[in-house]
Amino acid sequence: MLSILTINVQAAALARAQKLLTWLLHRDDHVIILTETSNGPGTRHLLTGLRAAGMSIAHQPSTDGDRGCAIASRIPTRPAPHLTAGISLPGRAPAVILDTDPAVTILGLYVPSSDRAPAKLAKKRTFLTTVTDTLARLPTTDRAHLVVGGDYNVISRDHQPRYPGFRPFEYDFLDALATLGLCDVHRTLHPDVQAHSWIGRAGNGYRFDYLHVGPGLLPHLAAAAYLNQPRLEGLTDHLAHSADIDAPALGGRGVGTGNIVACWISRTPRRAAE
């Protein structure tokens, strides 16, 4: 069983990052996608702590202070420069290839947020366009075992409740992923549930955080959930999103610190909510 978690860490300050690290280390996820990372001490503490726990880290700090994304993995990884080279803000889109057979590629995304300011809209539009263009150039065989996840900062066309103000290009992003054969994990397993992963000050719920998988992984989806615990405990203002993929034919080949690291671990799928 391969377990994947994505969580927006809200550029955690050090005190909150310490508590968030404790929560993450109490879990046993194989891959963690951290969105809204920063260049500050909180993010450094998170990444240092995950690395000390034996996880490899993919993170490219921004030179201009922009927020970013990181991937932490208990499974040995290798870089995936072909996925990041064409993306406008590579610090927001780390990518790694897991040492599994066949190889599973992870692409993390922290899509820029925006108000209606033209510069912010252009930044977001360019980022989304370069991501979809990059994914479209991937061979079909590579997309088959691709996982994309993170905070997309978009909602679907049929999101409930409906909200004004989202632009066509923002809705187009989820459509483009579907056209490329990448399936929304939670919607696939829970088609009648409108999940929300961020709650605004007025109590309005938005689904901003997602996990998508390629067609080679789709038949093996075992569980998907939005986890409210980190938000309720004040660790972040987002729910975390988890998925379990059960594909016992895949096995870890990597040798880390002398021990073979198995990717698919037999265990009971996680509860639907925490």
C-alpha atoms as a PDB file:
ATOM      1  CA  MET A   1       0.000   0.000   0.000  1.00  0.00           C
ATOM      2  CA  LEU A   2       1.401   3.356  -1.051  1.00  0.00           C
ATOM      3  CA  SER A   3       0.175   6.221   1.135  1.00  0.00           C
ATOM      4  CA  ILE A   4       0.348   9.833  -0.044  1.00  0.00           C
ATOM      5  CA  LEU A   5      -0.523  12.985   1.888  1.00  0.00           C
ATOM      6  CA  THR A   6      -0.750  16.583   0.737  1.00  0.00           C
ATOM      7  CA  ILE A   7      -1.006  19.409   3.257  1.00  0.00           C
ATOM      8  CA  ASN A   8      -0.777  23.193   3.025  1.00  0.00           C
ATOM      9  CA  VAL A   9       1.561  24.246   5.849  1.00  0.00           C
ATOM     10  CA  GLN A  10       0.553  27.932   5.608  1.00  0.00           C
ATOM     11  CA  ALA A  11       4.170  29.158   5.732  1.00  0.00           C
ATOM     12  CA  ALA A  12       4.319  27.928   9.303  1.00  0.00           C
ATOM     13  CA  ALA A  13       6.271  29.939  11.858  1.00  0.00           C
ATOM     14  CA  LEU A  14       8.656  27.924  14.007  1.00  0.00           C
ATOM     15  CA  ALA A  15       6.324  27.230  16.935  1.00  0.00           C
ATOM     16  CA  ARG A  16       3.541  25.961  14.668  1.00  0.00           C
ATOM     17  CA  ALA A  17       6.006  24.042  12.488  1.00  0.00           C
ATOM     18  CA  GLN A  18       7.219  22.129  15.547  1.00  0.00           C
ATOM     19  CA  LYS A  19       3.692  20.947  16.297  1.00  0.00           C
ATOM     20  CA  LEU A  20       3.013  20.205  12.640  1.00  0.00           C
ATOM     21  CA  LEU A  21       6.174  18.103  12.400  1.00  0.00           C
ATOM     22  CA  THR A  22       5.062  16.068  15.412  1.00  0.00           C
ATOM     23  CA  TRP A  23       1.708  15.409  13.734  1.00  0.00           C
ATOM     24  CA  LEU A  24       3.347  14.371  10.464  1.00  0.00           C
ATOM     25  CA  LEU A  25       5.829  12.038  12.161  1.00  0.00           C
ATOM     26  CA  HIS A  26       3.028  10.295  14.040  1.00  0.00           C
ATOM     27  CA  ARG A  27       1.695   9.227  10.666  1.00  0.00           C
ATOM     28  CA  ASP A  28       3.302   6.677   8.349  1.00  0.00           C
ATOM     29  CA  ASP A  29       2.784   8.242   4.936  1.00  0.00           C
ATOM     30  CA  HIS A  30       5.298   7.210   2.302  1.00  0.00           C
ATOM     31  CA  VAL A  31       5.089  10.507   0.413  1.00  0.00           C
ATOM     32  CA  ILE A  32       4.173  13.939   1.806  1.00  0.00           C
ATOM     33  CA  ILE A  33       3.546  16.949  -0.434  1.00  0.00           C
ATOM     34  CA  LEU A  34       3.976  20.175   1.536  1.00  0.00           C
ATOM     35  CA  THR A  35       2.469  23.290  -0.037  1.00  0.00           C
ATOM     36  CA  GLU A  36       2.869  26.971   0.861  1.00  0.00           C
ATOM     37  CA  THR A  37       6.388  26.441   2.116  1.00  0.00           C
ATOM     38  CA  SER A  38       8.587  29.478   2.747  1.00  0.00           C
ATOM     39  CA  ASN A  39      12.239  30.403   3.179  1.00  0.00           C
ATOM     40  CA  GLY A  40      11.713  30.925   6.903  1.00  0.00           C
ATOM     41  CA  PRO A  41      12.727  28.945   9.992  1.00  0.00           C
ATOM     42  CA  GLY A  42       9.408  27.083  10.173  1.00  0.00           C
ATOM     43  CA  THR A  43       9.817  25.426   6.786  1.00  0.00           C
ATOM     44  CA  ARG A  44      13.488  24.725   7.529  1.00  0.00           C
ATOM     45  CA  HIS A  45      12.453  23.000  10.761  1.00  0.00           C
ATOM     46  CA  LEU A  46       9.853  20.884   8.967  1.00  0.00           C
ATOM     47  CA  LEU A  47      12.223  19.777   6.213  1.00  0.00           C
ATOM     48  CA  THR A  48      15.115  19.160   8.605  1.00  0.00           C
ATOM     49  CA  GLY A  49      12.900  17.071  10.860  1.00  0.00           C
ATOM     50  CA  LEU A  50      11.500  15.000   8.012  1.00  0.00           C
ATOM     51  CA  ARG A  51      15.012  14.457   6.668  1.00  0.00           C
ATOM     52  CA  ALA A  52      16.190  13.370  10.120  1.00  0.00           C
ATOM     53  CA  ALA A  53      13.341  10.837  10.152  1.00  0.00           C
ATOM     54  CA  GLY A  54      14.846   9.227   7.047  1.00  0.00           C
ATOM     55  CA  MET A  55      12.859  10.967   4.332  1.00  0.00           C
ATOM     56  CA  SER A  56      14.420  12.405   1.179  1.00  0.00           C
ATOM     57  CA  ILE A  57      13.453  15.998   0.409  1.00  0.00           C
ATOM     58  CA  ALA A  58      12.834  17.764  -2.915  1.00  0.00           C
ATOM     59  CA  HIS A  59      12.585  21.507  -2.378  1.00  0.00           C
ATOM     60  CA  GLN A  60      13.848  24.503  -4.300  1.00  0.00           C
ATOM     61  CA  PRO A  61      13.725  27.667  -2.155  1.00  0.00           C
ATOM     62  CA  SER A  62      12.693  30.772  -4.019  1.00  0.00           C
ATOM     63  CA  THR A  63      15.295  33.493  -4.520  1.00  0.00           C
ATOM     64  CA  ASP A  64      12.648  36.227  -4.258  1.00  0.00           C
ATOM     65  CA  GLY A  65      10.776  34.996  -1.196  1.00  0.00           C
ATOM     66  CA  ASP A  66       7.915  33.423  -3.151  1.00  0.00           C
ATOM     67  CA  ARG A  67       6.046  30.590  -1.463  1.00  0.00           C
ATOM     68  CA  GLY A  68       6.729  27.092  -2.714  1.00  0.00           C
ATOM     69  CA  CYS A  69       6.216  23.348  -2.483  1.00  0.00           C
ATOM     70  CA  ALA A  70       8.266  20.413  -1.208  1.00  0.00           C
ATOM     71  CA  ILE A  71       8.070  16.625  -1.471  1.00  0.00           C
ATOM     72  CA  ALA A  72       9.242  14.341   1.335  1.00  0.00           C
ATOM     73  CA  SER A  73       9.535  10.608   0.636  1.00  0.00           C
ATOM     74  CA  ARG A  74      10.358   7.533   2.674  1.00  0.00           C
ATOM     75  CA  ILE A  75      10.945   5.752  -0.634  1.00  0.00           C
ATOM     76  CA  PRO A  76      14.242   6.449  -2.432  1.00  0.00           C
ATOM     77  CA  THR A  77      13.769   8.941  -5.246  1.00  0.00           C
ATOM     78  CA  ARG A  78      15.601  10.403  -8.200  1.00  0.00           C
ATOM     79  CA  PRO A  79      15.094  13.848  -9.776  1.00  0.00           C
ATOM     80  CA  ALA A  80      12.616  14.491 -12.569  1.00  0.00           C
ATOM     81  CA  PRO A  81      14.002  17.592 -14.324  1.00  0.00           C
ATOM     82  CA  HIS A  82      11.913  16.915 -17.432  1.00  0.00           C
ATOM     83  CA  LEU A  83       8.834  17.781 -15.363  1.00  0.00           C
ATOM     84  CA  THR A  84      10.091  20.990 -13.797  1.00  0.00           C
ATOM     85  CA  ALA A  85      12.166  22.609 -16.543  1.00  0.00           C
ATOM     86  CA  GLY A  86       9.241  24.076 -18.480  1.00  0.00           C
ATOM     87  CA  ILE A  87       7.166  25.284 -15.519  1.00  0.00           C
ATOM     88  CA  SER A  88       7.168  29.029 -14.931  1.00  0.00           C
ATOM     89  CA  LEU A  89       7.710  28.796 -11.149  1.00  0.00           C
ATOM     90  CA  PRO A  90       9.687  25.571 -10.562  1.00  0.00           C
ATOM     91  CA  GLY A  91       9.899  26.232  -6.817  1.00  0.00           C
ATOM     92  CA  ARG A  92       6.151  25.666  -6.721  1.00  0.00           C
ATOM     93  CA  ALA A  93       6.339  22.387  -8.667  1.00  0.00           C
ATOM     94  CA  PRO A  94       8.884  19.866  -7.357  1.00  0.00           C
ATOM     95  CA  ALA A  95       8.915  16.449  -8.986  1.00  0.00           C
ATOM     96  CA  VAL A  96      10.550  13.137  -8.123  1.00  0.00           C
ATOM     97  CA  ILE A  97      10.513   9.594  -9.437  1.00  0.00           C
ATOM     98  CA  LEU A  98      10.001   6.915  -6.806  1.00  0.00           C
ATOM     99  CA  ASP A  99      12.302   3.911  -6.972  1.00  0.00           C
ATOM    100  CA  THR A 100       9.503   1.460  -7.695  1.00  0.00           C
ATOM    101  CA  ASP A 101       8.897  -0.936 -10.546  1.00  0.00           C
ATOM    102  CA  PRO A 102       7.223   0.430 -12.580  1.00  0.00           C
ATOM    103  CA  ALA A 103       8.379   3.888 -11.567  1.00  0.00           C
ATOM    104  CA  VAL A 104       5.820   6.213  -9.982  1.00  0.00           C
ATOM    105  CA  THR A 105       6.376   9.936 -10.572  1.00  0.00           C
ATOM    106  CA  ILE A 106       5.173  12.528  -8.051  1.00  0.00           C
ATOM    107  CA  LEU A 107       4.533  16.133  -9.078  1.00  0.00           C
ATOM    108  CA  GLY A 108       3.695  18.526  -6.249  1.00  0.00           C
ATOM    109  CA  LEU A 109       1.944  21.817  -6.999  1.00  0.00           C
ATOM    110  CA  TYR A 110       1.369  24.998  -5.076  1.00  0.00           C
ATOM    111  CA  VAL A 111      -0.572  27.106  -7.542  1.00  0.00           C
ATOM    112  CA  PRO A 112      -0.360  30.870  -6.931  1.00  0.00           C
ATOM    113  CA  SER A 113      -3.378  32.381  -5.249  1.00  0.00           C
ATOM    114  CA  SER A 114      -4.796  35.550  -6.733  1.00  0.00           C
ATOM    115  CA  ASP A 115      -7.241  38.314  -6.193  1.00  0.00           C
ATOM    116  CA  ARG A 116      -8.422  40.145  -9.267  1.00  0.00           C
ATOM    117  CA  ALA A 117      -5.197  42.143  -9.684  1.00  0.00           C
ATOM    118  CA  PRO A 118      -3.996  41.725 -13.299  1.00  0.00           C
ATOM    119  CA  ALA A 119      -0.409  40.854 -12.320  1.00  0.00           C
ATOM    120  CA  LYS A 120      -1.527  38.111  -9.944  1.00  0.00           C
ATOM    121  CA  LEU A 121      -3.961  36.706 -12.477  1.00  0.00           C
ATOM    122  CA  ALA A 122      -1.229  36.622 -15.104  1.00  0.00           C
ATOM    123  CA  LYS A 123       1.153  34.850 -12.722  1.00  0.00           C
ATOM    124  CA  LYS A 124      -1.457  32.202 -11.940  1.00  0.00           C
ATOM    125  CA  ARG A 125      -2.533  31.757 -15.561  1.00  0.00           C
ATOM    126  CA  THR A 126       1.058  31.354 -16.769  1.00  0.00           C
ATOM    127  CA  PHE A 127       1.841  28.812 -14.071  1.00  0.00           C
ATOM    128  CA  LEU A 128      -1.246  26.701 -14.817  1.00  0.00           C
ATOM    129  CA  THR A 129      -0.609  26.871 -18.558  1.00  0.00           C
ATOM    130  CA  THR A 130       3.014  25.758 -18.236  1.00  0.00           C
ATOM    131  CA  VAL A 131       1.996  22.897 -15.958  1.00  0.00           C
ATOM    132  CA  THR A 132      -0.623  21.570 -18.385  1.00  0.00           C
ATOM    133  CA  ASP A 133       1.710  22.051 -21.358  1.00  0.00           C
ATOM    134  CA  THR A 134       4.425  20.086 -19.545  1.00  0.00           C
ATOM    135  CA  LEU A 135       2.035  17.260 -18.669  1.00  0.00           C
ATOM    136  CA  ALA A 136       0.716  17.158 -22.231  1.00  0.00           C
ATOM    137  CA  ARG A 137       4.244  16.606 -23.534  1.00  0.00           C
ATOM    138  CA  LEU A 138       4.757  13.564 -21.315  1.00  0.00           C
ATOM    139  CA  PRO A 139       4.498  10.216 -23.079  1.00  0.00           C
ATOM    140  CA  THR A 140       1.289   8.375 -22.274  1.00  0.00           C
ATOM    141  CA  THR A 141       3.297   5.639 -20.579  1.00  0.00           C
ATOM    142  CA  ASP A 142       4.815   8.196 -18.177  1.00  0.00           C
ATOM    143  CA  ARG A 143       1.427   9.680 -17.304  1.00  0.00           C
ATOM    144  CA  ALA A 144       0.084   6.199 -16.534  1.00  0.00           C
ATOM    145  CA  HIS A 145       1.896   6.084 -13.190  1.00  0.00           C
ATOM    146  CA  LEU A 146       1.930   9.801 -12.407  1.00  0.00           C
ATOM    147  CA  VAL A 147       0.601  11.322  -9.192  1.00  0.00           C
ATOM    148  CA  VAL A 148      -0.132  15.059  -9.144  1.00  0.00           C
ATOM    149  CA  GLY A 149      -1.112  16.666  -5.874  1.00  0.00           C
ATOM    150  CA  GLY A 150      -1.118  19.803  -3.810  1.00  0.00           C
ATOM    151  CA  ASP A 151      -2.978  23.065  -3.381  1.00  0.00           C
ATOM    152  CA  TYR A 152      -4.273  24.009  -6.827  1.00  0.00           C
ATOM    153  CA  ASN A 153      -6.164  27.135  -5.664  1.00  0.00           C
ATOM    154  CA  VAL A 154      -8.969  26.360  -8.117  1.00  0.00           C
ATOM    155  CA  ILE A 155     -12.415  24.827  -7.797  1.00  0.00           C
ATOM    156  CA  SER A 156     -14.428  22.673 -10.172  1.00  0.00           C
ATOM    157  CA  ARG A 157     -17.170  23.993 -12.439  1.00  0.00           C
ATOM    158  CA  ASP A 158     -19.817  22.143 -10.385  1.00  0.00           C
ATOM    159  CA  HIS A 159     -18.408  23.059  -6.964  1.00  0.00           C
ATOM    160  CA  GLN A 160     -20.984  23.454  -4.209  1.00  0.00           C
ATOM    161  CA  PRO A 161     -21.535  26.087  -3.086  1.00  0.00           C
ATOM    162  CA  ARG A 162     -21.019  28.059  -6.264  1.00  0.00           C
ATOM    163  CA  TYR A 163     -18.759  31.087  -5.993  1.00  0.00           C
ATOM    164  CA  PRO A 164     -18.486  34.046  -8.358  1.00  0.00           C
ATOM    165  CA  GLY A 165     -15.170  35.463  -9.391  1.00  0.00           C
ATOM    166  CA  PHE A 166     -13.309  32.433 -10.710  1.00  0.00           C
ATOM    167  CA  ARG A 167     -12.047  32.873 -14.268  1.00  0.00           C
ATOM    168  CA  PRO A 168     -12.447  30.372 -17.151  1.00  0.00           C
ATOM    169  CA  PHE A 169      -8.727  29.526 -17.126  1.00  0.00           C
ATOM    170  CA  GLU A 170      -9.038  28.470 -13.478  1.00  0.00           C
ATOM    171  CA  TYR A 171     -11.844  26.026 -14.237  1.00  0.00           C
ATOM    172  CA  ASP A 172      -9.964  24.865 -17.331  1.00  0.00           C
ATOM    173  CA  PHE A 173      -7.111  23.459 -15.257  1.00  0.00           C
ATOM    174  CA  LEU A 174      -9.100  20.595 -13.728  1.00  0.00           C
ATOM    175  CA  ASP A 175     -10.659  19.921 -17.143  1.00  0.00           C
ATOM    176  CA  ALA A 176      -7.178  19.707 -18.674  1.00  0.00           C
ATOM    177  CA  LEU A 177      -6.039  17.164 -16.090  1.00  0.00           C
ATOM    178  CA  ALA A 178      -9.071  14.999 -16.874  1.00  0.00           C
ATOM    179  CA  THR A 179      -8.431  15.279 -20.611  1.00  0.00           C
ATOM    180  CA  LEU A 180      -4.869  14.051 -20.007  1.00  0.00           C
ATOM    181  CA  GLY A 181      -6.228  10.966 -18.241  1.00  0.00           C
ATOM    182  CA  LEU A 182      -5.439  12.118 -14.695  1.00  0.00           C
ATOM    183  CA  CYS A 183      -8.267  11.228 -12.335  1.00  0.00           C
ATOM    184  CA  ASP A 184      -9.374  13.061  -9.213  1.00  0.00           C
ATOM    185  CA  VAL A 185      -8.779  10.522  -6.432  1.00  0.00           C
ATOM    186  CA  HIS A 186     -11.403  11.724  -3.972  1.00  0.00           C
ATOM    187  CA  ARG A 187     -14.107  12.289  -6.551  1.00  0.00           C
ATOM    188  CA  THR A 188     -13.448   8.843  -8.037  1.00  0.00           C
ATOM    189  CA  LEU A 189     -13.959   7.113  -4.689  1.00  0.00           C
ATOM    190  CA  HIS A 190     -16.594   9.492  -3.300  1.00  0.00           C
ATOM    191  CA  PRO A 191     -18.497  10.813  -6.341  1.00  0.00           C
ATOM    192  CA  ASP A 192     -21.453  12.099  -4.307  1.00  0.00           C
ATOM    193  CA  VAL A 193     -19.428  14.011  -1.711  1.00  0.00           C
ATOM    194  CA  GLN A 194     -18.593  17.706  -2.075  1.00  0.00           C
ATOM    195  CA  ALA A 195     -15.403  17.980  -0.046  1.00  0.00           C
ATOM    196  CA  HIS A 196     -13.978  21.261   1.233  1.00  0.00           C
ATOM    197  CA  SER A 197     -10.323  21.676   2.166  1.00  0.00           C
ATOM    198  CA  TRP A 198     -10.214  25.350   3.153  1.00  0.00           C
ATOM    199  CA  ILE A 199     -12.781  27.258   5.167  1.00  0.00           C
ATOM    200  CA  GLY A 200     -12.952  31.025   4.783  1.00  0.00           C
ATOM    201  CA  ARG A 201     -13.501  33.508   7.591  1.00  0.00           C
ATOM    202  CA  ALA A 202     -17.221  33.604   6.814  1.00  0.00           C
ATOM    203  CA  GLY A 203     -17.431  29.806   7.053  1.00  0.00           C
ATOM    204  CA  ASN A 204     -17.537  29.237   3.300  1.00  0.00           C
ATOM    205  CA  GLY A 205     -15.907  25.991   2.201  1.00  0.00           C
ATOM    206  CA  TYR A 206     -13.643  25.648  -0.842  1.00  0.00           C
ATOM    207  CA  ARG A 207     -12.016  22.559  -2.291  1.00  0.00           C
ATOM    208  CA  PHE A 208      -8.505  23.712  -3.182  1.00  0.00           C
ATOM    209  CA  ASP A 209      -6.375  20.651  -2.323  1.00  0.00           C
ATOM    210  CA  TYR A 210      -6.299  17.632  -4.652  1.00  0.00           C
ATOM    211  CA  LEU A 211      -4.610  14.378  -5.578  1.00  0.00           C
ATOM    212  CA  HIS A 212      -4.780  13.081  -9.168  1.00  0.00           C
ATOM    213  CA  VAL A 213      -3.462   9.775 -10.514  1.00  0.00           C
ATOM    214  CA  GLY A 214      -2.782   8.356 -13.956  1.00  0.00           C
ATOM    215  CA  PRO A 215      -4.750   5.459 -15.465  1.00  0.00           C
ATOM    216  CA  GLY A 216      -2.183   2.862 -14.425  1.00  0.00           C
ATOM    217  CA  LEU A 217      -2.825   3.653 -10.757  1.00  0.00           C
ATOM    218  CA  LEU A 218      -6.561   4.306 -10.982  1.00  0.00           C
ATOM    219  CA  PRO A 219      -7.677   0.654 -10.602  1.00  0.00           C
ATOM    220  CA  HIS A 220      -5.656   0.361  -7.395  1.00  0.00           C
ATOM    221  CA  LEU A 221      -7.130   3.268  -5.425  1.00  0.00           C
ATOM    222  CA  ALA A 222      -8.014   1.968  -1.973  1.00  0.00           C
ATOM    223  CA  ALA A 223      -8.908   5.036   0.085  1.00  0.00           C
ATOM    224  CA  ALA A 224      -9.082   8.817  -0.008  1.00  0.00           C
ATOM    225  CA  ALA A 225      -9.947  11.270   2.734  1.00  0.00           C
ATOM    226  CA  TYR A 226      -9.803  14.882   3.828  1.00  0.00           C
ATOM    227  CA  LEU A 227      -8.387  15.101   7.335  1.00  0.00           C
ATOM    228  CA  ASN A 228      -9.718  17.902   9.532  1.00  0.00           C
ATOM    229  CA  GLN A 229      -7.461  17.254  12.522  1.00  0.00           C
ATOM    230  CA  PRO A 230      -4.575  19.586  11.550  1.00  0.00           C
ATOM    231  CA  ARG A 231      -7.003  22.465  10.941  1.00  0.00           C
ATOM    232  CA  LEU A 232      -8.908  21.871  14.180  1.00  0.00           C
ATOM    233  CA  GLU A 233      -5.640  21.777  16.125  1.00  0.00           C
ATOM    234  CA  GLY A 234      -4.486  25.072  14.612  1.00  0.00           C
ATOM    235  CA  LEU A 235      -1.566  23.506  12.707  1.00  0.00           C
ATOM    236  CA  THR A 236      -2.744  25.008   9.401  1.00  0.00           C
ATOM    237  CA  ASP A 237      -5.859  26.600   7.939  1.00  0.00           C
ATOM    238  CA  HIS A 238      -6.326  23.725   5.458  1.00  0.00           C
ATOM    239  CA  LEU A 239      -7.496  20.153   5.772  1.00  0.00           C
ATOM    240  CA  ALA A 240      -4.913  17.580   4.748  1.00  0.00           C
ATOM    241  CA  HIS A 241      -5.764  15.192   1.915  1.00  0.00           C
ATOM    242  CA  SER A 242      -4.639  11.564   1.911  1.00  0.00           C
ATOM    243  CA  ALA A 243      -4.845   8.649  -0.495  1.00  0.00           C
ATOM    244  CA  ASP A 244      -3.894   4.980  -0.339  1.00  0.00           C
ATOM    245  CA  ILE A 245      -2.995   3.076  -3.498  1.00  0.00           C
ATOM    246  CA  ASP A 246      -2.969  -0.705  -3.261  1.00  0.00           C
ATOM    247  CA  ALA A 247      -0.797  -2.217  -5.989  1.00  0.00           C
ATOM    248  CA  PRO A 248       1.118  -5.194  -4.593  1.00  0.00           C
ATOM    249  CA  ALA A 249       2.699  -5.986  -7.960  1.00  0.00           C
ATOM    250  CA  LEU A 250       4.865  -2.886  -7.489  1.00  0.00           C
ATOM    251  CA  GLY A 251       7.845  -3.215  -5.192  1.00  0.00           C
ATOM    252  CA  GLY A 252      10.557  -0.961  -3.869  1.00  0.00           C
ATOM    253  CA  ARG A 253      14.010  -1.556  -5.344  1.00  0.00           C
ATOM    254  CA  GLY A 254      15.937   1.165  -3.558  1.00  0.00           C
ATOM    255  CA  VAL A 255      18.504   0.573  -0.865  1.00  0.00           C
ATOM    256  CA  GLY A 256      18.748   3.554   1.453  1.00  0.00           C
ATOM    257  CA  THR A 257      20.776   3.166   4.647  1.00  0.00           C
ATOM    258  CA  GLY A 258      21.371  -0.503   4.106  1.00  0.00           C
ATOM    259  CA  ASN A 259      17.767  -1.630   4.322  1.00  0.00           C
ATOM    260  CA  ILE A 260      15.582  -2.373   1.336  1.00  0.00           C
ATOM    261  CA  VAL A 261      12.750   0.136   1.286  1.00  0.00           C
ATOM    262  CA  ALA A 262       9.439  -1.444   0.312  1.00  0.00           C
ATOM    263  CA  CYS A 263       7.006   0.848  -1.415  1.00  0.00           C
ATOM    264  CA  TRP A 264       3.864  -1.205  -1.025  1.00  0.00           C
ATOM    265  CA  ILE A 265       3.226  -2.063   2.607  1.00  0.00           C
ATOM    266  CA  SER A 266       0.317  -4.305   3.497  1.00  0.00           C
ATOM    267  CA  ARG A 267      -1.939  -2.540   5.980  1.00  0.00           C
ATOM    268  CA  THR A 268      -5.548  -1.592   6.493  1.00  0.00           C
ATOM    269  CA  PRO A 269      -6.642   1.455   4.493  1.00  0.00           C
ATOM    270  CA  ARG A 270      -7.025   4.624   6.547  1.00  0.00           C
ATOM    271  CA  ARG A 271     -10.342   5.736   7.933  1.00  0.00           C
ATOM    272  CA  ALA A 272     -12.425   7.968   5.723  1.00  0.00           C
ATOM    273  CA  ALA A 273     -11.900  10.934   8.044  1.00  0.00           C
ATOM    274  CA  GLU A 274      -9.866  12.021  11.063  1.00  0.00           C
END
